[in-house]
Amino acid sequence: MHTLKTRDLIALGFMTFALFLGAGNIIFPPMVGQGAGEHAASAATGFLLTGVGLPLLTVVALARVGGGLDALTSPMGRKAGMVLGLLIYLILGPLFATPRTATVSFEMGFAPFVGHSGTALFAYSALYFALVTGLALYPGKLIDNVGKLITPVLILALVVLGVAAVLLPAGPASSASGDYLSAPLTEGFLQGYQTMDALGALAFGIVIVNAIRDRGIVNARLQTRYAIIAGVIAAVGLGLVYLSLIYLGATSQAIAPQAETGVLILTRYVQHTFGPIGSLLLALVISLACLTTAVGLVSACGSYFSEMLHLPYRPVVVAMGLACILVSNQGLAQLIALSGPVLVGMYPLAIALVALSLLSGLWRNARRVFMPVLAVALVFGLIDAIKAAGWQDWLPAMASHLPGNGMGWALPVATTLVLAALHDRLRPAPVALRG
């Protein structure tokens, strides 16, 4: 039986880490650290739950069903699963996540040298997505191109930045502010949504499994095992990156007071610590991190939309690249502002879906449990999204005053899960059809 060599397994883990480590993973942890200040440990715990724990569980859930989102959503029914899949891939693809990789890498890596003009952003995004598209056109080469070539350079640069953040802090930890004063754990948990990693994992699952298959691994159990190992390697790497960047933010108040984005915090820190060469280090980290994530997202979206639309993979990938060029030129601030409410609305649904899938062995009829739980997650996610968008006046008085500080969905979803599970146990098991 054909198996992966240790070298190839490590490369698979590196590829998975690189797929996840993108724009949000770099710019949001420093903001969490600066806001949490002396409560950085609690905020980091919450951030790790959504930024590391959820993606790992999602990879495990997808690996168990063969890597495809359609298999994960099958208990919902074909139409409902298709609608959810379409929403997830649009968010991860041309609408938010993929264009954001270009805007972040431009703002942090190149704008300090070429300026912030619209012309410069357009020229950069065109070249950037030309490279992304070129790499994504050959999904069978992702382990070699990303796991063995690009990621080791990225990891080396991250090690330099992470070690410096821990050993050479810019100052003492600042005082906590805003919601971090009263609920640092919850606020860190919610900020972890911005990484989009749990949603990204829903797309990357098939990329990881396909990469394993392209290495000649046909045994389903081995595919699952290798995908989970790759997920663990990626989770460890992401956790170390997040902890170092959160600490960096917590100790950078003196050099970047009241920063509005993590871009400013990181830029000020590398200039303070490394001088002029720091800008080059940061440009390397950001460019490689964003590039690898964009390649994975375009590849995943290309596979999904080509199958859904019954079109060849490569023309779909090219169309994805062109669409991302147009959206990325809206600018980073606008993309973040638009994506926030969307993510707050989608995450309860994604979390519930992964939890239900991991517990699938407990259900006699999965549809009886999936449908009510996911319906409640959708309703309360939409309420949180409306609040996050500042449209509370649109909500009924009772809905606008739900407790939970962005976590108001958790108790209703958990209650529905218990009731649906009891109903499933009390009802007879479905009768298998005989041919």
Protein backbone atom coordinates (compact mmCIF):
# COMPACT_ATOMS: atom_id res chain seq x y z
CA MET A 1 0.00 0.00 0.00
CA HIS A 2 1.36 3.39 -1.04
CA THR A 3 2.08 5.80 1.83
CA LEU A 4 3.53 9.28 2.23
CA LYS A 5 7.15 9.68 3.22
CA THR A 6 7.85 11.74 6.33
CA ARG A 7 9.29 14.52 4.15
CA ASP A 8 6.12 14.67 2.06
CA LEU A 9 3.91 14.58 5.15
CA ILE A 10 5.78 17.54 6.65
CA ALA A 11 5.46 19.36 3.32
CA LEU A 12 1.71 18.65 3.40
CA GLY A 13 1.52 20.14 6.89
CA PHE A 14 3.51 23.18 5.75
CA MET A 15 1.20 23.59 2.77
CA THR A 16 -1.85 23.45 5.06
CA PHE A 17 -0.30 26.01 7.42
CA ALA A 18 0.45 28.31 4.49
CA LEU A 19 -3.08 27.98 3.13
CA PHE A 20 -4.53 29.17 6.43
CA LEU A 21 -1.96 31.87 7.22
CA GLY A 22 -3.24 34.82 5.25
CA ALA A 23 -4.25 38.44 5.62
CA GLY A 24 -6.52 38.19 8.66
CA ASN A 25 -4.08 35.96 10.50
CA ILE A 26 -1.45 38.69 10.37
CA ILE A 27 -3.38 41.94 10.89
CA PHE A 28 -5.95 41.03 13.56
CA PRO A 29 -3.87 39.41 16.37
CA PRO A 30 -1.89 42.65 17.06
CA MET A 31 -5.18 44.53 17.37
CA VAL A 32 -6.43 41.94 19.86
CA GLY A 33 -3.22 42.32 21.86
CA GLN A 34 -3.35 46.11 21.93
CA GLY A 35 -7.01 46.17 22.94
CA ALA A 36 -6.62 43.48 25.59
CA GLY A 37 -3.41 44.84 27.12
CA GLU A 38 -2.91 43.23 30.52
CA HIS A 39 -5.79 40.83 29.72
CA ALA A 40 -3.96 39.53 26.64
CA ALA A 41 -3.79 35.96 27.97
CA SER A 42 -7.58 35.68 28.28
CA ALA A 43 -8.16 37.34 24.91
CA ALA A 44 -5.57 35.07 23.29
CA THR A 45 -7.37 32.01 24.66
CA GLY A 46 -10.61 33.12 23.03
CA PHE A 47 -8.84 34.00 19.80
CA LEU A 48 -7.15 30.59 19.66
CA LEU A 49 -10.51 28.83 20.06
CA THR A 50 -11.88 30.35 16.85
CA GLY A 51 -8.57 30.95 15.06
CA VAL A 52 -7.02 27.52 15.71
CA GLY A 53 -9.49 25.15 17.37
CA LEU A 54 -12.35 25.61 14.94
CA PRO A 55 -10.25 25.24 11.77
CA LEU A 56 -8.64 22.07 13.13
CA LEU A 57 -12.02 20.55 14.02
CA THR A 58 -13.32 21.53 10.59
CA VAL A 59 -10.40 19.80 8.86
CA VAL A 60 -11.08 16.68 10.97
CA ALA A 61 -14.79 16.76 10.10
CA LEU A 62 -14.09 17.18 6.39
CA ALA A 63 -11.37 14.54 6.37
CA ARG A 64 -13.86 12.04 7.79
CA VAL A 65 -16.29 12.62 4.90
CA GLY A 66 -13.70 12.78 2.12
CA GLY A 67 -12.87 16.50 2.12
CA GLY A 68 -15.91 17.88 0.29
CA LEU A 69 -18.31 20.47 1.69
CA ASP A 70 -21.16 18.79 -0.19
CA ALA A 71 -20.66 15.63 1.88
CA LEU A 72 -20.59 17.65 5.11
CA THR A 73 -23.87 19.39 4.25
CA SER A 74 -25.64 16.33 2.82
CA PRO A 75 -27.95 15.90 5.87
CA MET A 76 -29.36 19.38 5.09
CA GLY A 77 -30.59 18.27 1.71
CA ARG A 78 -29.15 19.06 -1.72
CA LYS A 79 -30.68 22.53 -2.22
CA ALA A 80 -29.96 23.86 1.28
CA GLY A 81 -26.43 22.47 1.15
CA MET A 82 -25.85 24.09 -2.24
CA VAL A 83 -27.05 27.50 -0.98
CA LEU A 84 -24.78 27.31 2.08
CA GLY A 85 -21.84 26.17 -0.03
CA LEU A 86 -22.42 28.99 -2.51
CA LEU A 87 -22.45 31.59 0.29
CA ILE A 88 -19.26 30.24 1.85
CA TYR A 89 -17.35 30.08 -1.43
CA LEU A 90 -18.47 33.56 -2.48
CA ILE A 91 -17.29 34.97 0.86
CA LEU A 92 -13.98 33.13 0.66
CA GLY A 93 -13.57 33.77 -3.04
CA PRO A 94 -14.33 36.91 -5.03
CA LEU A 95 -16.32 38.89 -2.43
CA PHE A 96 -14.06 39.18 0.62
CA ALA A 97 -11.28 36.82 1.67
CA THR A 98 -9.29 36.42 -1.53
CA PRO A 99 -9.33 40.11 -2.58
CA ARG A 100 -8.35 41.02 1.00
CA THR A 101 -5.09 39.08 0.63
CA ALA A 102 -4.08 41.48 -2.15
CA THR A 103 -5.07 44.66 -0.33
CA VAL A 104 -3.31 43.65 2.89
CA SER A 105 -0.10 42.61 1.15
CA PHE A 106 -0.15 45.87 -0.83
CA GLU A 107 -0.81 48.11 2.19
CA MET A 108 1.82 46.45 4.38
CA GLY A 109 4.39 45.22 1.91
CA PHE A 110 4.50 47.64 -1.00
CA ALA A 111 2.63 50.87 -0.26
CA PRO A 112 5.48 52.11 2.02
CA PHE A 113 7.72 52.03 -1.06
CA VAL A 114 5.36 52.96 -3.94
CA GLY A 115 2.62 55.00 -2.27
CA HIS A 116 -1.09 54.40 -1.64
CA SER A 117 -2.55 55.59 -4.95
CA GLY A 118 -5.36 53.76 -6.71
CA THR A 119 -3.16 53.27 -9.74
CA ALA A 120 -0.47 51.57 -7.67
CA LEU A 121 -3.04 49.28 -6.03
CA PHE A 122 -4.52 48.31 -9.40
CA ALA A 123 -1.11 47.55 -10.93
CA TYR A 124 -0.11 45.52 -7.88
CA SER A 125 -3.38 43.55 -7.70
CA ALA A 126 -3.16 42.73 -11.42
CA LEU A 127 0.37 41.32 -11.06
CA TYR A 128 -0.50 39.63 -7.76
CA PHE A 129 -3.53 37.75 -9.10
CA ALA A 130 -1.70 36.86 -12.31
CA LEU A 131 0.83 34.99 -10.13
CA VAL A 132 -1.91 33.51 -7.91
CA THR A 133 -3.85 32.31 -10.94
CA GLY A 134 -0.74 30.81 -12.50
CA LEU A 135 -0.04 28.73 -9.38
CA ALA A 136 -3.69 27.75 -8.89
CA LEU A 137 -3.95 26.42 -12.45
CA TYR A 138 -1.88 23.41 -11.35
CA PRO A 139 -3.50 22.13 -8.10
CA GLY A 140 -1.54 18.88 -8.28
CA LYS A 141 1.68 20.86 -7.74
CA LEU A 142 0.56 22.68 -4.56
CA ILE A 143 2.60 20.49 -2.19
CA ASP A 144 5.74 21.08 -4.26
CA ASN A 145 5.18 24.77 -5.03
CA VAL A 146 3.73 25.85 -1.70
CA GLY A 147 4.68 23.21 0.86
CA LYS A 148 8.29 22.67 -0.19
CA LEU A 149 9.33 25.98 -1.77
CA ILE A 150 7.36 28.98 -0.47
CA THR A 151 6.39 27.94 3.07
CA PRO A 152 9.90 27.29 4.46
CA VAL A 153 10.88 30.86 3.54
CA LEU A 154 7.67 32.15 5.14
CA ILE A 155 8.27 30.17 8.32
CA LEU A 156 11.85 31.45 8.63
CA ALA A 157 10.65 35.05 8.31
CA LEU A 158 7.88 34.43 10.85
CA VAL A 159 10.34 32.92 13.31
CA VAL A 160 12.47 36.05 13.12
CA LEU A 161 9.43 38.28 13.71
CA GLY A 162 7.97 36.09 16.45
CA VAL A 163 11.20 35.72 18.40
CA ALA A 164 11.77 39.47 18.19
CA ALA A 165 8.24 40.16 19.45
CA VAL A 166 8.84 38.02 22.54
CA LEU A 167 12.46 38.94 23.30
CA LEU A 168 12.41 42.58 22.13
CA PRO A 169 9.03 44.05 23.13
CA ALA A 170 8.50 47.73 22.33
CA GLY A 171 7.31 48.46 25.86
CA PRO A 172 5.24 47.13 28.78
CA ALA A 173 1.77 45.69 28.34
CA SER A 174 -0.83 48.44 27.94
CA SER A 175 -4.12 48.82 29.79
CA ALA A 176 -7.17 47.03 28.41
CA SER A 177 -9.83 49.03 26.63
CA GLY A 178 -13.38 48.63 25.32
CA ASP A 179 -15.02 45.22 25.66
CA TYR A 180 -11.68 43.70 26.68
CA LEU A 181 -12.13 45.32 30.10
CA SER A 182 -15.17 43.23 31.01
CA ALA A 183 -15.08 40.20 28.68
CA PRO A 184 -11.62 39.65 27.18
CA LEU A 185 -12.21 35.93 26.51
CA THR A 186 -15.47 36.54 24.61
CA GLU A 187 -14.06 39.49 22.70
CA GLY A 188 -11.01 37.47 21.68
CA PHE A 189 -13.32 34.65 20.55
CA LEU A 190 -15.32 37.04 18.37
CA GLN A 191 -12.22 38.68 16.91
CA GLY A 192 -11.08 35.23 15.83
CA TYR A 193 -13.95 35.28 13.32
CA GLN A 194 -12.01 37.86 11.31
CA THR A 195 -9.32 35.34 10.38
CA MET A 196 -12.01 33.50 8.38
CA ASP A 197 -10.13 30.29 9.21
CA ALA A 198 -13.15 28.19 10.14
CA LEU A 199 -14.85 29.16 6.88
CA GLY A 200 -11.54 28.74 5.06
CA ALA A 201 -11.21 25.22 6.42
CA LEU A 202 -14.54 24.33 4.81
CA ALA A 203 -12.95 25.16 1.47
CA PHE A 204 -9.41 23.92 2.15
CA GLY A 205 -10.54 20.45 3.18
CA ILE A 206 -10.96 19.35 -0.42
CA VAL A 207 -7.66 21.04 -1.43
CA ILE A 208 -5.80 19.07 1.26
CA VAL A 209 -7.45 15.76 0.37
CA ASN A 210 -6.87 16.33 -3.35
CA ALA A 211 -3.20 17.06 -2.67
CA ILE A 212 -2.98 13.73 -0.83
CA ARG A 213 -4.71 11.92 -3.68
CA ASP A 214 -2.33 13.48 -6.19
CA ARG A 215 0.47 11.76 -4.28
CA GLY A 216 -1.10 8.40 -5.14
CA ILE A 217 -2.84 7.80 -1.79
CA VAL A 218 -6.09 6.00 -2.66
CA ASN A 219 -6.88 4.43 0.72
CA ALA A 220 -9.66 6.49 2.39
CA ARG A 221 -8.39 5.86 5.92
CA LEU A 222 -4.89 7.01 5.01
CA GLN A 223 -6.31 10.12 3.35
CA THR A 224 -8.21 10.94 6.55
CA ARG A 225 -5.20 10.25 8.73
CA TYR A 226 -2.84 12.38 6.66
CA ALA A 227 -5.34 15.25 6.44
CA ILE A 228 -5.71 15.28 10.23
CA ILE A 229 -1.92 15.21 10.74
CA ALA A 230 -1.58 18.12 8.31
CA GLY A 231 -4.28 19.98 10.24
CA VAL A 232 -2.45 19.45 13.53
CA ILE A 233 0.83 20.73 12.07
CA ALA A 234 -0.98 23.80 10.74
CA ALA A 235 -2.77 24.37 14.07
CA VAL A 236 0.49 24.34 16.03
CA GLY A 237 2.07 26.80 13.63
CA LEU A 238 -0.93 29.12 13.67
CA GLY A 239 -1.08 29.05 17.46
CA LEU A 240 2.55 30.12 17.79
CA VAL A 241 2.07 32.92 15.25
CA TYR A 242 -1.04 34.22 17.01
CA LEU A 243 0.48 34.18 20.48
CA SER A 244 3.58 36.09 19.36
CA LEU A 245 1.56 38.69 17.40
CA ILE A 246 -0.93 39.20 20.25
CA TYR A 247 1.99 39.77 22.62
CA LEU A 248 3.52 42.15 20.09
CA GLY A 249 0.30 44.16 20.03
CA ALA A 250 -0.07 44.19 23.81
CA THR A 251 3.41 45.72 24.21
CA SER A 252 3.24 48.21 21.31
CA GLN A 253 0.95 50.90 22.71
CA ALA A 254 3.86 53.33 23.09
CA ILE A 255 4.89 53.17 19.41
CA ALA A 256 1.41 52.81 17.86
CA PRO A 257 -1.09 54.48 20.21
CA GLN A 258 -4.76 53.94 19.39
CA ALA A 259 -3.96 52.21 16.11
CA GLU A 260 -7.01 51.56 13.95
CA THR A 261 -5.59 48.50 12.19
CA GLY A 262 -2.95 45.86 12.82
CA VAL A 263 -1.16 47.14 9.73
CA LEU A 264 0.00 50.23 11.60
CA ILE A 265 1.04 48.26 14.70
CA LEU A 266 3.18 45.83 12.73
CA THR A 267 4.70 48.54 10.56
CA ARG A 268 5.67 50.65 13.56
CA TYR A 269 7.07 47.63 15.40
CA VAL A 270 9.36 46.38 12.64
CA GLN A 271 10.63 49.90 12.00
CA HIS A 272 11.24 50.40 15.72
CA THR A 273 13.00 47.04 16.19
CA PHE A 274 14.80 46.41 12.91
CA GLY A 275 15.10 49.86 11.35
CA PRO A 276 14.81 50.19 7.54
CA ILE A 277 15.35 46.46 6.98
CA GLY A 278 12.24 45.80 9.07
CA SER A 279 10.00 47.03 6.27
CA LEU A 280 11.56 44.44 3.94
CA LEU A 281 11.05 41.67 6.51
CA LEU A 282 7.42 42.62 6.96
CA ALA A 283 6.90 42.86 3.20
CA LEU A 284 8.29 39.32 2.80
CA VAL A 285 6.11 37.87 5.57
CA ILE A 286 2.92 39.51 4.40
CA SER A 287 3.44 38.88 0.70
CA LEU A 288 4.18 35.18 1.10
CA ALA A 289 1.42 34.63 3.67
CA CYS A 290 -1.20 36.33 1.53
CA LEU A 291 0.02 34.69 -1.69
CA THR A 292 -0.22 31.13 -0.38
CA THR A 293 -3.68 31.67 1.08
CA ALA A 294 -4.90 33.25 -2.15
CA VAL A 295 -3.61 30.28 -4.17
CA GLY A 296 -5.47 27.86 -1.91
CA LEU A 297 -8.69 29.88 -1.98
CA VAL A 298 -8.67 30.32 -5.76
CA SER A 299 -7.93 26.63 -6.23
CA ALA A 300 -10.73 25.61 -3.84
CA CYS A 301 -13.24 28.02 -5.35
CA GLY A 302 -12.22 26.99 -8.85
CA SER A 303 -12.89 23.33 -8.04
CA TYR A 304 -16.24 24.13 -6.43
CA PHE A 305 -17.60 26.44 -9.11
CA SER A 306 -16.33 24.34 -12.01
CA GLU A 307 -18.17 21.32 -10.61
CA MET A 308 -21.31 23.31 -9.80
CA LEU A 309 -21.45 25.05 -13.19
CA HIS A 310 -20.14 22.06 -15.17
CA LEU A 311 -17.32 24.16 -16.61
CA PRO A 312 -13.60 23.36 -17.04
CA TYR A 313 -11.47 24.14 -14.00
CA ARG A 314 -8.92 26.43 -15.62
CA PRO A 315 -11.28 28.98 -17.23
CA VAL A 316 -13.11 29.25 -13.90
CA VAL A 317 -9.81 29.94 -12.10
CA VAL A 318 -8.95 32.68 -14.61
CA ALA A 319 -12.40 34.25 -14.13
CA MET A 320 -11.89 34.12 -10.36
CA GLY A 321 -8.59 35.97 -10.69
CA LEU A 322 -10.16 38.72 -12.80
CA ALA A 323 -13.06 39.16 -10.37
CA CYS A 324 -10.67 39.40 -7.42
CA ILE A 325 -8.69 42.17 -9.16
CA LEU A 326 -11.86 44.28 -9.42
CA VAL A 327 -12.99 43.72 -5.83
CA SER A 328 -9.55 44.23 -4.27
CA ASN A 329 -9.44 47.76 -5.66
CA GLN A 330 -12.21 48.77 -3.25
CA GLY A 331 -9.49 49.09 -0.60
CA LEU A 332 -8.68 47.32 2.68
CA ALA A 333 -10.77 49.46 5.06
CA GLN A 334 -13.95 48.97 3.04
CA LEU A 335 -13.42 45.22 2.67
CA ILE A 336 -12.94 44.82 6.43
CA ALA A 337 -15.99 46.97 7.19
CA LEU A 338 -18.17 44.93 4.83
CA SER A 339 -16.86 41.52 5.85
CA GLY A 340 -17.35 42.02 9.61
CA PRO A 341 -21.17 41.69 9.73
CA VAL A 342 -21.11 38.91 7.13
CA LEU A 343 -18.70 36.84 9.21
CA VAL A 344 -20.64 37.43 12.44
CA GLY A 345 -23.70 36.11 10.63
CA MET A 346 -22.03 33.09 9.05
CA TYR A 347 -19.88 31.79 11.90
CA PRO A 348 -22.70 30.43 14.12
CA LEU A 349 -23.91 28.39 11.14
CA ALA A 350 -20.39 27.11 10.37
CA ILE A 351 -19.69 26.23 14.01
CA ALA A 352 -22.99 24.39 14.34
CA LEU A 353 -22.41 22.50 11.07
CA VAL A 354 -18.97 21.27 12.13
CA ALA A 355 -20.18 20.28 15.62
CA LEU A 356 -23.11 18.32 14.20
CA SER A 357 -20.85 16.54 11.73
CA LEU A 358 -18.33 15.56 14.41
CA LEU A 359 -21.20 14.15 16.50
CA SER A 360 -22.77 12.38 13.51
CA GLY A 361 -22.38 8.94 15.08
CA LEU A 362 -24.94 9.89 17.73
CA TRP A 363 -27.83 10.61 15.38
CA ARG A 364 -30.34 8.00 14.24
CA ASN A 365 -31.55 10.36 11.51
CA ALA A 366 -29.10 13.20 10.93
CA ARG A 367 -31.60 15.40 9.09
CA ARG A 368 -33.90 15.51 12.13
CA VAL A 369 -31.07 17.10 14.12
CA PHE A 370 -29.28 19.14 11.47
CA MET A 371 -32.24 21.12 10.15
CA PRO A 372 -33.63 22.65 13.39
CA VAL A 373 -30.18 23.35 14.84
CA LEU A 374 -28.88 25.01 11.69
CA ALA A 375 -32.11 26.98 11.26
CA VAL A 376 -31.78 28.45 14.76
CA ALA A 377 -28.06 29.17 14.16
CA LEU A 378 -28.97 31.00 10.94
CA VAL A 379 -31.67 33.14 12.59
CA PHE A 380 -29.53 34.20 15.53
CA GLY A 381 -26.49 34.68 13.30
CA LEU A 382 -28.52 37.07 11.15
CA ILE A 383 -29.58 38.98 14.27
CA ASP A 384 -25.93 39.36 15.32
CA ALA A 385 -24.99 40.40 11.77
CA ILE A 386 -27.66 43.12 11.76
CA LYS A 387 -26.34 44.38 15.10
CA ALA A 388 -22.75 44.35 13.83
CA ALA A 389 -23.82 46.39 10.81
CA GLY A 390 -25.37 49.02 13.10
CA TRP A 391 -28.93 48.35 11.94
CA GLN A 392 -30.45 47.56 15.36
CA ASP A 393 -33.49 49.69 14.54
CA TRP A 394 -34.53 47.06 12.01
CA LEU A 395 -34.91 44.44 14.75
CA PRO A 396 -37.89 43.83 17.04
CA ALA A 397 -37.32 45.12 20.57
CA MET A 398 -36.87 41.61 22.00
CA ALA A 399 -34.26 40.60 19.37
CA SER A 400 -32.27 43.82 19.70
CA HIS A 401 -31.78 43.24 23.43
CA LEU A 402 -30.62 39.63 23.34
CA PRO A 403 -27.70 39.01 25.75
CA GLY A 404 -24.38 37.54 24.84
CA ASN A 405 -22.16 40.32 23.48
CA GLY A 406 -22.08 38.71 20.03
CA MET A 407 -22.58 35.24 21.48
CA GLY A 408 -26.37 35.43 21.84
CA TRP A 409 -26.70 32.53 19.40
CA ALA A 410 -24.85 30.00 21.60
CA LEU A 411 -27.56 29.22 24.18
CA PRO A 412 -30.46 28.95 21.71
CA VAL A 413 -28.39 26.71 19.42
CA ALA A 414 -27.26 24.49 22.32
CA THR A 415 -30.84 24.23 23.61
CA THR A 416 -32.14 23.33 20.15
CA LEU A 417 -29.42 20.70 19.80
CA VAL A 418 -30.45 19.01 23.07
CA LEU A 419 -34.15 19.05 22.14
CA ALA A 420 -33.50 17.83 18.59
CA ALA A 421 -31.23 15.04 19.87
CA LEU A 422 -33.94 13.90 22.32
CA HIS A 423 -36.55 14.00 19.55
CA ASP A 424 -34.22 11.97 17.32
CA ARG A 425 -33.80 9.33 20.03
CA LEU A 426 -37.51 9.07 20.75
CA ARG A 427 -38.49 8.70 17.10
CA PRO A 428 -37.94 5.38 15.29
CA ALA A 429 -34.83 4.97 13.19
CA PRO A 430 -35.38 5.32 9.41
CA VAL A 431 -36.03 2.04 7.64
CA ALA A 432 -33.31 1.15 5.13
CA LEU A 433 -34.58 0.60 1.59
CA ARG A 434 -33.92 -2.83 0.15
CA GLY A 435 -33.04 -3.24 -3.49
